[in-house]
Amino acid sequence: MGKIILEFDAAEEEEDARTALDGYKWKLAMWDLDQALRSVTKYEASIINEGKQASDEEFEMAEKMREEIRGILSHYNIMFE
């Protein structure tokens, strides 16, 4: 990969610069959310009641949310891997 240089006018574009710099943090946060939902679908571990088994409703919602996250990321051409 070649060198990528981002330039921002510090005063006027401070928010844009912060967004560009925090991109990786957003990716990690989405990964953490996906993994929490995965623990429900794979291990049937409840997020709502720690240490308990997930309810059928929680299991179904976790599956749907994981699908939705992946659909949104795909729309923006972003992948976890």
PDB file of N, CA and C in Angstrom:
ATOM      1  N   MET A   1       0.854  -1.176   0.000  1.00  0.00           N
ATOM      2  CA  MET A   1       0.000   0.000   0.000  1.00  0.00           C
ATOM      3  C   MET A   1       0.893   1.230   0.000  1.00  0.00           C
ATOM      4  N   GLY A   2       0.477   2.204  -0.761  1.00  0.00           N
ATOM      5  CA  GLY A   2       1.224   3.452  -0.826  1.00  0.00           C
ATOM      6  C   GLY A   2       0.949   4.335   0.371  1.00  0.00           C
ATOM      7  N   LYS A   3       1.603   5.450   0.387  1.00  0.00           N
ATOM      8  CA  LYS A   3       1.449   6.411   1.469  1.00  0.00           C
ATOM      9  C   LYS A   3       0.162   7.210   1.265  1.00  0.00           C
ATOM     10  N   ILE A   4      -0.576   7.395   2.340  1.00  0.00           N
ATOM     11  CA  ILE A   4      -1.798   8.192   2.302  1.00  0.00           C
ATOM     12  C   ILE A   4      -1.624   9.368   3.247  1.00  0.00           C
ATOM     13  N   ILE A   5      -1.863  10.539   2.724  1.00  0.00           N
ATOM     14  CA  ILE A   5      -1.715  11.756   3.529  1.00  0.00           C
ATOM     15  C   ILE A   5      -3.075  12.453   3.582  1.00  0.00           C
ATOM     16  N   LEU A   6      -3.538  12.698   4.792  1.00  0.00           N
ATOM     17  CA  LEU A   6      -4.778  13.440   4.996  1.00  0.00           C
ATOM     18  C   LEU A   6      -4.420  14.810   5.548  1.00  0.00           C
ATOM     19  N   GLU A   7      -4.979  15.841   4.955  1.00  0.00           N
ATOM     20  CA  GLU A   7      -4.717  17.190   5.432  1.00  0.00           C
ATOM     21  C   GLU A   7      -6.033  17.847   5.811  1.00  0.00           C
ATOM     22  N   PHE A   8      -6.024  18.501   6.961  1.00  0.00           N
ATOM     23  CA  PHE A   8      -7.196  19.217   7.438  1.00  0.00           C
ATOM     24  C   PHE A   8      -6.756  20.578   7.930  1.00  0.00           C
ATOM     25  N   ASP A   9      -7.572  21.576   7.659  1.00  0.00           N
ATOM     26  CA  ASP A   9      -7.346  22.896   8.217  1.00  0.00           C
ATOM     27  C   ASP A   9      -7.795  22.814   9.666  1.00  0.00           C
ATOM     28  N   ALA A  10      -6.860  22.878  10.580  1.00  0.00           N
ATOM     29  CA  ALA A  10      -7.103  22.572  11.994  1.00  0.00           C
ATOM     30  C   ALA A  10      -8.340  23.257  12.565  1.00  0.00           C
ATOM     31  N   ALA A  11      -8.524  24.503  12.300  1.00  0.00           N
ATOM     32  CA  ALA A  11      -9.627  25.230  12.932  1.00  0.00           C
ATOM     33  C   ALA A  11     -10.983  24.878  12.314  1.00  0.00           C
ATOM     34  N   GLU A  12     -11.069  24.939  10.997  1.00  0.00           N
ATOM     35  CA  GLU A  12     -12.358  24.751  10.336  1.00  0.00           C
ATOM     36  C   GLU A  12     -12.773  23.291  10.208  1.00  0.00           C
ATOM     37  N   GLU A  13     -11.829  22.385  10.151  1.00  0.00           N
ATOM     38  CA  GLU A  13     -12.139  20.988   9.883  1.00  0.00           C
ATOM     39  C   GLU A  13     -11.767  20.061  11.039  1.00  0.00           C
ATOM     40  N   GLU A  14     -11.804  20.583  12.245  1.00  0.00           N
ATOM     41  CA  GLU A  14     -11.419  19.789  13.410  1.00  0.00           C
ATOM     42  C   GLU A  14     -12.277  18.528  13.566  1.00  0.00           C
ATOM     43  N   GLU A  15     -13.583  18.657  13.360  1.00  0.00           N
ATOM     44  CA  GLU A  15     -14.474  17.496  13.499  1.00  0.00           C
ATOM     45  C   GLU A  15     -14.188  16.446  12.422  1.00  0.00           C
ATOM     46  N   ASP A  16     -13.922  16.881  11.194  1.00  0.00           N
ATOM     47  CA  ASP A  16     -13.582  15.941  10.119  1.00  0.00           C
ATOM     48  C   ASP A  16     -12.276  15.217  10.417  1.00  0.00           C
ATOM     49  N   ALA A  17     -11.313  15.929  10.957  1.00  0.00           N
ATOM     50  CA  ALA A  17     -10.026  15.313  11.310  1.00  0.00           C
ATOM     51  C   ALA A  17     -10.225  14.269  12.406  1.00  0.00           C
ATOM     52  N   ARG A  18     -11.028  14.588  13.407  1.00  0.00           N
ATOM     53  CA  ARG A  18     -11.282  13.644  14.509  1.00  0.00           C
ATOM     54  C   ARG A  18     -11.991  12.400  13.981  1.00  0.00           C
ATOM     55  N   THR A  19     -12.944  12.587  13.064  1.00  0.00           N
ATOM     56  CA  THR A  19     -13.644  11.448  12.468  1.00  0.00           C
ATOM     57  C   THR A  19     -12.666  10.548  11.722  1.00  0.00           C
ATOM     58  N   ALA A  20     -11.766  11.146  10.940  1.00  0.00           N
ATOM     59  CA  ALA A  20     -10.773  10.357  10.195  1.00  0.00           C
ATOM     60  C   ALA A  20      -9.839   9.616  11.142  1.00  0.00           C
ATOM     61  N   LEU A  21      -9.422  10.264  12.200  1.00  0.00           N
ATOM     62  CA  LEU A  21      -8.494   9.635  13.146  1.00  0.00           C
ATOM     63  C   LEU A  21      -9.159   8.551  13.984  1.00  0.00           C
ATOM     64  N   ASP A  22     -10.455   8.672  14.227  1.00  0.00           N
ATOM     65  CA  ASP A  22     -11.164   7.706  15.069  1.00  0.00           C
ATOM     66  C   ASP A  22     -11.778   6.555  14.280  1.00  0.00           C
ATOM     67  N   GLY A  23     -11.566   6.485  12.995  1.00  0.00           N
ATOM     68  CA  GLY A  23     -12.152   5.433  12.174  1.00  0.00           C
ATOM     69  C   GLY A  23     -11.855   4.039  12.691  1.00  0.00           C
ATOM     70  N   TYR A  24     -10.623   3.793  13.086  1.00  0.00           N
ATOM     71  CA  TYR A  24     -10.250   2.471  13.576  1.00  0.00           C
ATOM     72  C   TYR A  24     -10.961   2.154  14.889  1.00  0.00           C
ATOM     73  N   LYS A  25     -11.161   3.171  15.725  1.00  0.00           N
ATOM     74  CA  LYS A  25     -11.881   2.957  16.982  1.00  0.00           C
ATOM     75  C   LYS A  25     -13.326   2.542  16.703  1.00  0.00           C
ATOM     76  N   TRP A  26     -13.938   3.154  15.690  1.00  0.00           N
ATOM     77  CA  TRP A  26     -15.301   2.784  15.320  1.00  0.00           C
ATOM     78  C   TRP A  26     -15.346   1.334  14.862  1.00  0.00           C
ATOM     79  N   LYS A  27     -14.355   0.937  14.083  1.00  0.00           N
ATOM     80  CA  LYS A  27     -14.301  -0.444  13.615  1.00  0.00           C
ATOM     81  C   LYS A  27     -14.184  -1.403  14.792  1.00  0.00           C
ATOM     82  N   LEU A  28     -13.334  -1.079  15.741  1.00  0.00           N
ATOM     83  CA  LEU A  28     -13.180  -1.933  16.925  1.00  0.00           C
ATOM     84  C   LEU A  28     -14.466  -1.984  17.749  1.00  0.00           C
ATOM     85  N   ALA A  29     -15.141  -0.863  17.871  1.00  0.00           N
ATOM     86  CA  ALA A  29     -16.394  -0.822  18.631  1.00  0.00           C
ATOM     87  C   ALA A  29     -17.455  -1.696  17.961  1.00  0.00           C
ATOM     88  N   MET A  30     -17.554  -1.629  16.637  1.00  0.00           N
ATOM     89  CA  MET A  30     -18.515  -2.468  15.915  1.00  0.00           C
ATOM     90  C   MET A  30     -18.141  -3.940  16.044  1.00  0.00           C
ATOM     91  N   TRP A  31     -16.851  -4.238  16.024  1.00  0.00           N
ATOM     92  CA  TRP A  31     -16.392  -5.621  16.205  1.00  0.00           C
ATOM     93  C   TRP A  31     -16.800  -6.128  17.590  1.00  0.00           C
ATOM     94  N   ASP A  32     -16.593  -5.312  18.614  1.00  0.00           N
ATOM     95  CA  ASP A  32     -16.974  -5.703  19.973  1.00  0.00           C
ATOM     96  C   ASP A  32     -18.477  -5.957  20.078  1.00  0.00           C
ATOM     97  N   LEU A  33     -19.271  -5.089  19.461  1.00  0.00           N
ATOM     98  CA  LEU A  33     -20.722  -5.269  19.468  1.00  0.00           C
ATOM     99  C   LEU A  33     -21.097  -6.568  18.772  1.00  0.00           C
ATOM    100  N   ASP A  34     -20.496  -6.820  17.618  1.00  0.00           N
ATOM    101  CA  ASP A  34     -20.776  -8.047  16.883  1.00  0.00           C
ATOM    102  C   ASP A  34     -20.397  -9.280  17.699  1.00  0.00           C
ATOM    103  N   GLN A  35     -19.283  -9.214  18.400  1.00  0.00           N
ATOM    104  CA  GLN A  35     -18.841 -10.355  19.199  1.00  0.00           C
ATOM    105  C   GLN A  35     -19.762 -10.596  20.391  1.00  0.00           C
ATOM    106  N   ALA A  36     -20.292  -9.524  20.967  1.00  0.00           N
ATOM    107  CA  ALA A  36     -21.253  -9.681  22.059  1.00  0.00           C
ATOM    108  C   ALA A  36     -22.511 -10.375  21.547  1.00  0.00           C
ATOM    109  N   LEU A  37     -22.972  -9.975  20.374  1.00  0.00           N
ATOM    110  CA  LEU A  37     -24.141 -10.616  19.774  1.00  0.00           C
ATOM    111  C   LEU A  37     -23.828 -12.051  19.366  1.00  0.00           C
ATOM    112  N   ARG A  38     -22.615 -12.297  18.927  1.00  0.00           N
ATOM    113  CA  ARG A  38     -22.196 -13.645  18.550  1.00  0.00           C
ATOM    114  C   ARG A  38     -22.244 -14.579  19.753  1.00  0.00           C
ATOM    115  N   SER A  39     -21.872 -14.072  20.919  1.00  0.00           N
ATOM    116  CA  SER A  39     -21.897 -14.926  22.117  1.00  0.00           C
ATOM    117  C   SER A  39     -23.316 -15.394  22.417  1.00  0.00           C
ATOM    118  N   VAL A  40     -24.300 -14.585  22.029  1.00  0.00           N
ATOM    119  CA  VAL A  40     -25.697 -14.993  22.207  1.00  0.00           C
ATOM    120  C   VAL A  40     -26.043 -16.087  21.202  1.00  0.00           C
ATOM    121  N   THR A  41     -25.656 -15.881  19.935  1.00  0.00           N
ATOM    122  CA  THR A  41     -26.052 -16.843  18.901  1.00  0.00           C
ATOM    123  C   THR A  41     -25.239 -18.129  18.953  1.00  0.00           C
ATOM    124  N   LYS A  42     -23.998 -18.059  19.379  1.00  0.00           N
ATOM    125  CA  LYS A  42     -23.170 -19.265  19.391  1.00  0.00           C
ATOM    126  C   LYS A  42     -23.255 -20.027  20.709  1.00  0.00           C
ATOM    127  N   TYR A  43     -23.194 -19.301  21.792  1.00  0.00           N
ATOM    128  CA  TYR A  43     -23.149 -19.956  23.110  1.00  0.00           C
ATOM    129  C   TYR A  43     -24.445 -19.830  23.897  1.00  0.00           C
ATOM    130  N   GLU A  44     -25.429 -19.133  23.303  1.00  0.00           N
ATOM    131  CA  GLU A  44     -26.706 -18.883  23.961  1.00  0.00           C
ATOM    132  C   GLU A  44     -26.542 -18.200  25.315  1.00  0.00           C
ATOM    133  N   ALA A  45     -25.538 -17.321  25.388  1.00  0.00           N
ATOM    134  CA  ALA A  45     -25.268 -16.571  26.618  1.00  0.00           C
ATOM    135  C   ALA A  45     -26.032 -15.252  26.570  1.00  0.00           C
ATOM    136  N   SER A  46     -26.786 -14.967  27.592  1.00  0.00           N
ATOM    137  CA  SER A  46     -27.583 -13.754  27.636  1.00  0.00           C
ATOM    138  C   SER A  46     -26.707 -12.523  27.849  1.00  0.00           C
ATOM    139  N   ILE A  47     -27.015 -11.489  27.111  1.00  0.00           N
ATOM    140  CA  ILE A  47     -26.356 -10.193  27.339  1.00  0.00           C
ATOM    141  C   ILE A  47     -27.100  -9.444  28.436  1.00  0.00           C
ATOM    142  N   ILE A  48     -28.403  -9.632  28.478  1.00  0.00           N
ATOM    143  CA  ILE A  48     -29.259  -8.916  29.426  1.00  0.00           C
ATOM    144  C   ILE A  48     -29.061  -9.447  30.848  1.00  0.00           C
ATOM    145  N   ASN A  49     -29.062 -10.752  31.001  1.00  0.00           N
ATOM    146  CA  ASN A  49     -28.893 -11.389  32.308  1.00  0.00           C
ATOM    147  C   ASN A  49     -27.603 -12.206  32.302  1.00  0.00           C
ATOM    148  N   GLU A  50     -26.500 -11.557  32.664  1.00  0.00           N
ATOM    149  CA  GLU A  50     -25.198 -12.232  32.636  1.00  0.00           C
ATOM    150  C   GLU A  50     -25.219 -13.523  33.429  1.00  0.00           C
ATOM    151  N   GLY A  51     -24.581 -14.541  32.869  1.00  0.00           N
ATOM    152  CA  GLY A  51     -24.496 -15.827  33.533  1.00  0.00           C
ATOM    153  C   GLY A  51     -25.696 -16.718  33.291  1.00  0.00           C
ATOM    154  N   LYS A  52     -26.682 -16.214  32.559  1.00  0.00           N
ATOM    155  CA  LYS A  52     -27.893 -16.993  32.277  1.00  0.00           C
ATOM    156  C   LYS A  52     -27.961 -17.314  30.787  1.00  0.00           C
ATOM    157  N   GLN A  53     -28.840 -18.220  30.455  1.00  0.00           N
ATOM    158  CA  GLN A  53     -29.060 -18.586  29.063  1.00  0.00           C
ATOM    159  C   GLN A  53     -29.945 -17.541  28.393  1.00  0.00           C
ATOM    160  N   ALA A  54     -29.639 -17.248  27.126  1.00  0.00           N
ATOM    161  CA  ALA A  54     -30.429 -16.278  26.370  1.00  0.00           C
ATOM    162  C   ALA A  54     -31.826 -16.823  26.109  1.00  0.00           C
ATOM    163  N   SER A  55     -32.804 -15.948  26.151  1.00  0.00           N
ATOM    164  CA  SER A  55     -34.173 -16.343  25.810  1.00  0.00           C
ATOM    165  C   SER A  55     -34.262 -16.505  24.289  1.00  0.00           C
ATOM    166  N   ASP A  56     -35.339 -17.147  23.838  1.00  0.00           N
ATOM    167  CA  ASP A  56     -35.545 -17.301  22.401  1.00  0.00           C
ATOM    168  C   ASP A  56     -35.625 -15.946  21.701  1.00  0.00           C
ATOM    169  N   GLU A  57     -36.271 -14.985  22.344  1.00  0.00           N
ATOM    170  CA  GLU A  57     -36.401 -13.648  21.770  1.00  0.00           C
ATOM    171  C   GLU A  57     -35.033 -12.969  21.669  1.00  0.00           C
ATOM    172  N   GLU A  58     -34.223 -13.118  22.708  1.00  0.00           N
ATOM    173  CA  GLU A  58     -32.887 -12.514  22.695  1.00  0.00           C
ATOM    174  C   GLU A  58     -32.030 -13.166  21.613  1.00  0.00           C
ATOM    175  N   PHE A  59     -32.128 -14.480  21.475  1.00  0.00           N
ATOM    176  CA  PHE A  59     -31.380 -15.202  20.447  1.00  0.00           C
ATOM    177  C   PHE A  59     -31.770 -14.703  19.053  1.00  0.00           C
ATOM    178  N   GLU A  60     -33.066 -14.608  18.785  1.00  0.00           N
ATOM    179  CA  GLU A  60     -33.537 -14.148  17.480  1.00  0.00           C
ATOM    180  C   GLU A  60     -33.120 -12.710  17.205  1.00  0.00           C
ATOM    181  N   MET A  61     -33.214 -11.850  18.225  1.00  0.00           N
ATOM    182  CA  MET A  61     -32.820 -10.449  18.044  1.00  0.00           C
ATOM    183  C   MET A  61     -31.317 -10.331  17.775  1.00  0.00           C
ATOM    184  N   ALA A  62     -30.518 -11.129  18.470  1.00  0.00           N
ATOM    185  CA  ALA A  62     -29.073 -11.089  18.250  1.00  0.00           C
ATOM    186  C   ALA A  62     -28.742 -11.511  16.820  1.00  0.00           C
ATOM    187  N   GLU A  63     -29.398 -12.546  16.319  1.00  0.00           N
ATOM    188  CA  GLU A  63     -29.178 -12.984  14.935  1.00  0.00           C
ATOM    189  C   GLU A  63     -29.546 -11.877  13.955  1.00  0.00           C
ATOM    190  N   LYS A  64     -30.700 -11.250  14.167  1.00  0.00           N
ATOM    191  CA  LYS A  64     -31.159 -10.186  13.275  1.00  0.00           C
ATOM    192  C   LYS A  64     -30.232  -8.977  13.328  1.00  0.00           C
ATOM    193  N   MET A  65     -29.763  -8.636  14.516  1.00  0.00           N
ATOM    194  CA  MET A  65     -28.866  -7.485  14.649  1.00  0.00           C
ATOM    195  C   MET A  65     -27.524  -7.747  13.970  1.00  0.00           C
ATOM    196  N   ARG A  66     -26.999  -8.971  14.096  1.00  0.00           N
ATOM    197  CA  ARG A  66     -25.751  -9.306  13.405  1.00  0.00           C
ATOM    198  C   ARG A  66     -25.930  -9.205  11.894  1.00  0.00           C
ATOM    199  N   GLU A  67     -27.047  -9.690  11.376  1.00  0.00           N
ATOM    200  CA  GLU A  67     -27.336  -9.579   9.946  1.00  0.00           C
ATOM    201  C   GLU A  67     -27.432  -8.118   9.525  1.00  0.00           C
ATOM    202  N   GLU A  68     -28.099  -7.310  10.350  1.00  0.00           N
ATOM    203  CA  GLU A  68     -28.261  -5.889  10.039  1.00  0.00           C
ATOM    204  C   GLU A  68     -26.911  -5.168  10.037  1.00  0.00           C
ATOM    205  N   ILE A  69     -26.085  -5.445  11.022  1.00  0.00           N
ATOM    206  CA  ILE A  69     -24.753  -4.829  11.082  1.00  0.00           C
ATOM    207  C   ILE A  69     -23.968  -5.177   9.827  1.00  0.00           C
ATOM    208  N   ARG A  70     -23.961  -6.446   9.464  1.00  0.00           N
ATOM    209  CA  ARG A  70     -23.223  -6.876   8.273  1.00  0.00           C
ATOM    210  C   ARG A  70     -23.795  -6.259   7.003  1.00  0.00           C
ATOM    211  N   GLY A  71     -25.122  -6.108   6.928  1.00  0.00           N
ATOM    212  CA  GLY A  71     -25.737  -5.458   5.771  1.00  0.00           C
ATOM    213  C   GLY A  71     -25.334  -3.997   5.649  1.00  0.00           C
ATOM    214  N   ILE A  72     -25.330  -3.300   6.773  1.00  0.00           N
ATOM    215  CA  ILE A  72     -24.928  -1.883   6.775  1.00  0.00           C
ATOM    216  C   ILE A  72     -23.462  -1.745   6.381  1.00  0.00           C
ATOM    217  N   LEU A  73     -22.603  -2.559   6.974  1.00  0.00           N
ATOM    218  CA  LEU A  73     -21.188  -2.502   6.631  1.00  0.00           C
ATOM    219  C   LEU A  73     -20.962  -2.822   5.157  1.00  0.00           C
ATOM    220  N   SER A  74     -21.679  -3.811   4.643  1.00  0.00           N
ATOM    221  CA  SER A  74     -21.560  -4.175   3.236  1.00  0.00           C
ATOM    222  C   SER A  74     -21.985  -3.013   2.336  1.00  0.00           C
ATOM    223  N   HIS A  75     -23.052  -2.320   2.730  1.00  0.00           N
ATOM    224  CA  HIS A  75     -23.520  -1.163   1.962  1.00  0.00           C
ATOM    225  C   HIS A  75     -22.420  -0.106   1.821  1.00  0.00           C
ATOM    226  N   TYR A  76     -21.622   0.064   2.865  1.00  0.00           N
ATOM    227  CA  TYR A  76     -20.536   1.042   2.840  1.00  0.00           C
ATOM    228  C   TYR A  76     -19.207   0.425   2.396  1.00  0.00           C
ATOM    229  N   ASN A  77     -19.272  -0.828   1.919  1.00  0.00           N
ATOM    230  CA  ASN A  77     -18.085  -1.543   1.463  1.00  0.00           C
ATOM    231  C   ASN A  77     -17.017  -1.654   2.554  1.00  0.00           C
ATOM    232  N   ILE A  78     -17.484  -1.991   3.762  1.00  0.00           N
ATOM    233  CA  ILE A  78     -16.603  -2.175   4.914  1.00  0.00           C
ATOM    234  C   ILE A  78     -16.750  -3.615   5.401  1.00  0.00           C
ATOM    235  N   MET A  79     -15.629  -4.246   5.722  1.00  0.00           N
ATOM    236  CA  MET A  79     -15.673  -5.615   6.252  1.00  0.00           C
ATOM    237  C   MET A  79     -14.880  -5.673   7.549  1.00  0.00           C
ATOM    238  N   PHE A  80     -15.299  -6.559   8.460  1.00  0.00           N
ATOM    239  CA  PHE A  80     -14.552  -6.755   9.694  1.00  0.00           C
ATOM    240  C   PHE A  80     -13.194  -7.375   9.404  1.00  0.00           C
ATOM    241  N   GLU A  81     -13.197  -8.401   8.562  1.00  0.00           N
ATOM    242  CA  GLU A  81     -11.987  -9.162   8.317  1.00  0.00           C
ATOM    243  C   GLU A  81     -11.038  -8.424   7.417  1.00  0.00           C
TER     244      GLU A  81
END
